[in-house]
């Protein structure tokens, strides 16, 4: 096991090690750096965005409720609800990330 030990078992033997540093293989271009900065930066809502976020969340809730009313509890229902949550999250992210203040 390579790397620095960060956890030991009850007998004092190495249990978990940090992975060795791996050199990057690819160069990240400026377009991707700009995208990553935008995607992972907090975007405070503007006053006109708040009602649109609310409208999307309410529409998502209404559809989620219909899914629960019309389909049996199951793995598939759970996946549908998870994907719907992702849809609403991405729709709100589209507003947050792509509108200039």
C-alpha atoms as a PDB file:
ATOM      1  CA  UNK A   1       0.000   0.000   0.000  1.00  0.00           C
ATOM      2  CA  UNK A   2       1.592   3.278  -1.158  1.00  0.00           C
ATOM      3  CA  UNK A   3       1.004   6.756   0.198  1.00  0.00           C
ATOM      4  CA  UNK A   4       0.836   8.397   3.617  1.00  0.00           C
ATOM      5  CA  UNK A   5      -1.036   6.387   6.283  1.00  0.00           C
ATOM      6  CA  UNK A   6      -4.124   8.261   7.483  1.00  0.00           C
ATOM      7  CA  UNK A   7      -5.858   5.510   9.505  1.00  0.00           C
ATOM      8  CA  UNK A   8      -4.793   2.427  11.410  1.00  0.00           C
ATOM      9  CA  UNK A   9      -6.660  -0.666  12.605  1.00  0.00           C
ATOM     10  CA  UNK A  10      -6.889  -1.702  16.284  1.00  0.00           C
ATOM     11  CA  UNK A  11      -3.567  -3.570  16.003  1.00  0.00           C
ATOM     12  CA  UNK A  12      -1.771  -0.514  14.651  1.00  0.00           C
ATOM     13  CA  UNK A  13      -1.532  -1.811  11.087  1.00  0.00           C
ATOM     14  CA  UNK A  14      -2.084   0.626   8.207  1.00  0.00           C
ATOM     15  CA  UNK A  15      -5.743   0.656   7.229  1.00  0.00           C
ATOM     16  CA  UNK A  16      -6.098   3.606   4.891  1.00  0.00           C
ATOM     17  CA  UNK A  17      -3.546   5.592   2.966  1.00  0.00           C
ATOM     18  CA  UNK A  18      -3.791   8.730   0.899  1.00  0.00           C
ATOM     19  CA  UNK A  19      -3.297   7.970  -2.771  1.00  0.00           C
ATOM     20  CA  UNK A  20      -0.009   9.044  -4.279  1.00  0.00           C
ATOM     21  CA  UNK A  21      -0.202  12.274  -6.231  1.00  0.00           C
ATOM     22  CA  UNK A  22      -0.851  11.619  -9.906  1.00  0.00           C
ATOM     23  CA  UNK A  23       0.402  14.082 -12.487  1.00  0.00           C
ATOM     24  CA  UNK A  24      -2.337  15.530 -14.706  1.00  0.00           C
ATOM     25  CA  UNK A  25      -2.565  13.947 -18.136  1.00  0.00           C
ATOM     26  CA  UNK A  26      -4.600  16.625 -19.897  1.00  0.00           C
ATOM     27  CA  UNK A  27      -4.336  20.383 -20.255  1.00  0.00           C
ATOM     28  CA  UNK A  28      -7.472  22.303 -19.288  1.00  0.00           C
ATOM     29  CA  UNK A  29      -8.210  25.076 -21.787  1.00  0.00           C
ATOM     30  CA  UNK A  30      -9.466  28.543 -20.859  1.00  0.00           C
ATOM     31  CA  UNK A  31     -13.017  27.823 -22.040  1.00  0.00           C
ATOM     32  CA  UNK A  32     -13.263  24.888 -19.611  1.00  0.00           C
ATOM     33  CA  UNK A  33     -11.631  26.883 -16.788  1.00  0.00           C
ATOM     34  CA  UNK A  34     -14.245  29.617 -17.295  1.00  0.00           C
ATOM     35  CA  UNK A  35     -17.050  27.049 -17.281  1.00  0.00           C
ATOM     36  CA  UNK A  36     -15.779  25.378 -14.101  1.00  0.00           C
ATOM     37  CA  UNK A  37     -15.442  28.732 -12.360  1.00  0.00           C
ATOM     38  CA  UNK A  38     -19.018  29.619 -13.308  1.00  0.00           C
ATOM     39  CA  UNK A  39     -20.435  26.185 -12.430  1.00  0.00           C
ATOM     40  CA  UNK A  40     -18.813  26.056  -8.996  1.00  0.00           C
ATOM     41  CA  UNK A  41     -19.413  29.652  -7.923  1.00  0.00           C
ATOM     42  CA  UNK A  42     -22.364  30.753  -5.799  1.00  0.00           C
ATOM     43  CA  UNK A  43     -24.802  32.886  -7.771  1.00  0.00           C
ATOM     44  CA  UNK A  44     -26.957  34.985  -5.457  1.00  0.00           C
ATOM     45  CA  UNK A  45     -30.476  35.235  -6.862  1.00  0.00           C
ATOM     46  CA  UNK A  46     -31.683  38.498  -8.291  1.00  0.00           C
ATOM     47  CA  UNK A  47     -35.193  39.676  -7.379  1.00  0.00           C
ATOM     48  CA  UNK A  48     -36.631  38.632 -10.752  1.00  0.00           C
ATOM     49  CA  UNK A  49     -35.128  35.125 -10.517  1.00  0.00           C
ATOM     50  CA  UNK A  50     -36.713  34.172  -7.194  1.00  0.00           C
ATOM     51  CA  UNK A  51     -40.291  33.770  -8.513  1.00  0.00           C
ATOM     52  CA  UNK A  52     -39.012  31.691 -11.433  1.00  0.00           C
ATOM     53  CA  UNK A  53     -37.086  29.390  -9.087  1.00  0.00           C
ATOM     54  CA  UNK A  54     -40.255  29.042  -7.023  1.00  0.00           C
ATOM     55  CA  UNK A  55     -42.386  28.328 -10.096  1.00  0.00           C
ATOM     56  CA  UNK A  56     -40.021  25.573 -11.232  1.00  0.00           C
ATOM     57  CA  UNK A  57     -39.893  24.004  -7.767  1.00  0.00           C
ATOM     58  CA  UNK A  58     -43.687  24.108  -7.477  1.00  0.00           C
ATOM     59  CA  UNK A  59     -44.088  22.505 -10.911  1.00  0.00           C
ATOM     60  CA  UNK A  60     -41.587  19.811  -9.903  1.00  0.00           C
ATOM     61  CA  UNK A  61     -43.456  19.194  -6.652  1.00  0.00           C
ATOM     62  CA  UNK A  62     -46.779  18.898  -8.506  1.00  0.00           C
ATOM     63  CA  UNK A  63     -45.339  16.361 -10.949  1.00  0.00           C
ATOM     64  CA  UNK A  64     -43.628  14.442  -8.141  1.00  0.00           C
ATOM     65  CA  UNK A  65     -46.952  14.226  -6.307  1.00  0.00           C
ATOM     66  CA  UNK A  66     -48.685  12.910  -9.460  1.00  0.00           C
ATOM     67  CA  UNK A  67     -45.959  10.320  -9.926  1.00  0.00           C
ATOM     68  CA  UNK A  68     -46.539   9.141  -6.349  1.00  0.00           C
ATOM     69  CA  UNK A  69     -50.325   9.126  -6.836  1.00  0.00           C
ATOM     70  CA  UNK A  70     -50.235   7.218 -10.120  1.00  0.00           C
ATOM     71  CA  UNK A  71     -47.397   4.726  -9.669  1.00  0.00           C
ATOM     72  CA  UNK A  72     -46.658   2.153  -6.990  1.00  0.00           C
ATOM     73  CA  UNK A  73     -43.765   2.665  -4.577  1.00  0.00           C
ATOM     74  CA  UNK A  74     -40.849   0.991  -6.301  1.00  0.00           C
ATOM     75  CA  UNK A  75     -37.283   1.363  -7.438  1.00  0.00           C
ATOM     76  CA  UNK A  76     -38.558   2.851 -10.696  1.00  0.00           C
ATOM     77  CA  UNK A  77     -40.674   5.412  -8.845  1.00  0.00           C
ATOM     78  CA  UNK A  78     -37.677   6.365  -6.737  1.00  0.00           C
ATOM     79  CA  UNK A  79     -35.520   6.805  -9.842  1.00  0.00           C
ATOM     80  CA  UNK A  80     -38.242   8.928 -11.468  1.00  0.00           C
ATOM     81  CA  UNK A  81     -38.358  11.195  -8.407  1.00  0.00           C
ATOM     82  CA  UNK A  82     -34.574  11.453  -8.289  1.00  0.00           C
ATOM     83  CA  UNK A  83     -34.376  12.369 -11.970  1.00  0.00           C
ATOM     84  CA  UNK A  84     -37.176  14.911 -11.576  1.00  0.00           C
ATOM     85  CA  UNK A  85     -35.223  16.475  -8.710  1.00  0.00           C
ATOM     86  CA  UNK A  86     -32.197  16.699 -11.014  1.00  0.00           C
ATOM     87  CA  UNK A  87     -34.316  18.285 -13.751  1.00  0.00           C
ATOM     88  CA  UNK A  88     -35.565  21.033 -11.437  1.00  0.00           C
ATOM     89  CA  UNK A  89     -32.080  21.568 -10.018  1.00  0.00           C
ATOM     90  CA  UNK A  90     -30.583  21.936 -13.503  1.00  0.00           C
ATOM     91  CA  UNK A  91     -33.398  24.219 -14.669  1.00  0.00           C
ATOM     92  CA  UNK A  92     -32.721  26.501 -11.700  1.00  0.00           C
ATOM     93  CA  UNK A  93     -28.971  26.240 -12.353  1.00  0.00           C
ATOM     94  CA  UNK A  94     -29.594  27.328 -15.948  1.00  0.00           C
ATOM     95  CA  UNK A  95     -31.101  30.532 -14.608  1.00  0.00           C
ATOM     96  CA  UNK A  96     -28.457  31.067 -11.921  1.00  0.00           C
ATOM     97  CA  UNK A  97     -25.424  30.333 -14.047  1.00  0.00           C
ATOM     98  CA  UNK A  98     -26.366  31.908 -17.339  1.00  0.00           C
ATOM     99  CA  UNK A  99     -28.084  35.187 -16.570  1.00  0.00           C
ATOM    100  CA  UNK A 100     -25.894  38.190 -15.990  1.00  0.00           C
ATOM    101  CA  UNK A 101     -26.829  40.369 -13.038  1.00  0.00           C
END
